[in-house]
Protein backbone atom coordinates (compact mmCIF):
# COMPACT_ATOMS: atom_id res chain seq x y z
CA MET A 1 0.00 0.00 0.00
CA VAL A 2 1.34 3.42 -0.93
CA LEU A 3 0.18 6.41 1.10
CA GLY A 4 0.60 9.92 -0.17
CA LYS A 5 0.19 11.53 3.24
CA ASP A 6 -0.47 10.50 6.81
CA HIS A 7 -3.79 8.63 6.93
CA PRO A 8 -4.25 7.03 10.38
CA HIS A 9 -7.15 4.81 9.24
CA ALA A 10 -5.18 3.54 6.26
CA ARG A 11 -2.20 2.80 8.53
CA THR A 12 -4.46 0.82 10.86
CA PHE A 13 -6.00 -1.06 7.91
CA ALA A 14 -2.53 -1.91 6.54
CA ALA A 15 -1.34 -3.15 9.94
CA GLU A 16 -4.46 -5.24 10.55
CA HIS A 17 -4.17 -6.89 7.12
CA LYS A 18 -0.36 -7.20 7.19
CA LEU A 19 0.08 -5.12 4.05
CA ARG A 20 3.39 -3.63 2.99
CA LEU A 21 3.23 0.11 3.47
CA VAL A 22 5.24 2.92 1.92
CA ASP A 23 4.32 6.38 3.14
CA CYS A 24 5.46 9.04 0.71
CA SER A 25 5.67 12.73 1.46
CA THR A 26 8.06 15.60 1.81
CA SER A 27 8.00 15.06 5.57
CA PRO A 28 11.27 13.77 7.03
CA GLN A 29 9.26 11.12 8.91
CA ALA A 30 8.03 9.48 5.67
CA SER A 31 9.45 6.17 4.43
CA LEU A 32 10.09 7.73 1.02
CA THR A 33 10.85 11.42 0.79
CA LEU A 34 12.64 13.98 -1.35
CA SER A 35 16.28 14.83 -0.73
CA SER A 36 16.34 17.33 -3.57
CA LEU A 37 14.17 18.41 -6.46
CA GLU A 38 15.26 20.25 -9.57
CA ARG A 39 13.48 20.92 -12.82
CA ASP A 40 14.58 17.69 -14.51
CA ARG A 41 16.10 15.64 -11.69
CA ALA A 42 15.11 14.52 -8.20
CA VAL A 43 16.87 12.60 -5.47
CA LEU A 44 14.55 10.47 -3.34
CA ALA A 45 15.49 8.97 0.01
CA LEU A 46 14.23 5.61 1.23
CA GLN A 47 14.53 6.17 4.97
CA ARG A 48 13.58 2.71 6.24
CA SER A 49 14.13 -0.83 5.00
CA LEU A 50 11.39 -1.97 2.64
CA THR A 51 10.46 -5.48 1.53
CA ASP A 52 9.20 -5.46 -2.05
CA LEU A 53 6.44 -7.73 -3.33
CA SER A 54 8.98 -10.40 -4.33
CA GLY A 55 10.43 -10.51 -0.82
CA ASN A 56 13.62 -8.59 -1.62
CA ILE A 57 14.77 -6.22 1.10
CA LEU A 58 15.72 -2.69 0.05
CA GLU A 59 17.95 -0.97 2.55
CA PRO A 60 17.73 2.78 3.20
CA GLN A 61 19.38 4.63 0.32
CA GLU A 62 18.96 7.49 -2.12
CA PHE A 63 17.73 7.20 -5.71
CA SER A 64 18.27 9.65 -8.53
CA VAL A 65 15.25 10.03 -10.80
CA GLU A 66 15.13 11.81 -14.14
CA GLY A 67 12.63 12.19 -16.95
CA PHE A 68 9.51 12.62 -14.83
CA GLY A 69 8.14 15.52 -16.86
CA ASP A 70 5.85 17.85 -14.98
CA LEU A 71 4.75 15.48 -12.22
CA ASN A 72 4.45 17.30 -8.93
CA ALA A 73 6.49 16.15 -5.93
CA GLN A 74 3.67 14.13 -4.34
CA ASP A 75 2.82 12.28 -7.56
CA LEU A 76 6.50 11.58 -8.15
CA LEU A 77 6.92 10.15 -4.66
CA CYS A 78 3.82 7.96 -4.91
CA GLY A 79 4.78 6.69 -8.37
CA CYS A 80 8.26 5.83 -7.15
CA GLY A 81 6.78 4.14 -4.07
CA VAL A 82 4.78 1.83 -6.35
CA LEU A 83 7.89 1.10 -8.43
CA LEU A 84 9.90 0.28 -5.31
CA LEU A 85 7.22 -2.10 -4.03
CA CYS A 86 7.20 -3.81 -7.44
CA GLY A 87 10.99 -4.20 -7.35
CA LYS A 88 11.53 -1.94 -10.36
CA LEU A 89 15.04 -0.63 -9.84
CA PRO A 90 16.52 1.57 -11.01
CA LEU A 91 13.59 3.95 -10.95
CA THR A 92 12.98 5.07 -14.51
CA PHE A 93 10.34 7.10 -16.26
CA ARG A 94 9.50 6.98 -19.95
CA ASP A 95 7.86 9.50 -22.23
CA GLU A 96 8.14 12.54 -19.95
CA GLY A 97 6.14 11.79 -16.85
CA LYS A 98 4.60 8.43 -17.73
CA ILE A 99 5.71 5.58 -15.52
């Protein structure tokens, strides 16, 4: 489950159903957040270990992302959260903003 912001009910639901959760926001408390954002490049920080859907463990690290077109920061974070859960590394975007 990918959360764009803090949703206490969604967190409770994810915990009760043992779902993998990636919370994405510009808050430093989020699992996935922005380290830097420029016009055509962003650096995202995975701040906690994450187990993807295949069972692979991703350790905290930073990812450089380019080619995301005019996605806003929140959409970029959520899209990258989905890609991380799916085990799609490195994070890449095609066709200017289409994942």
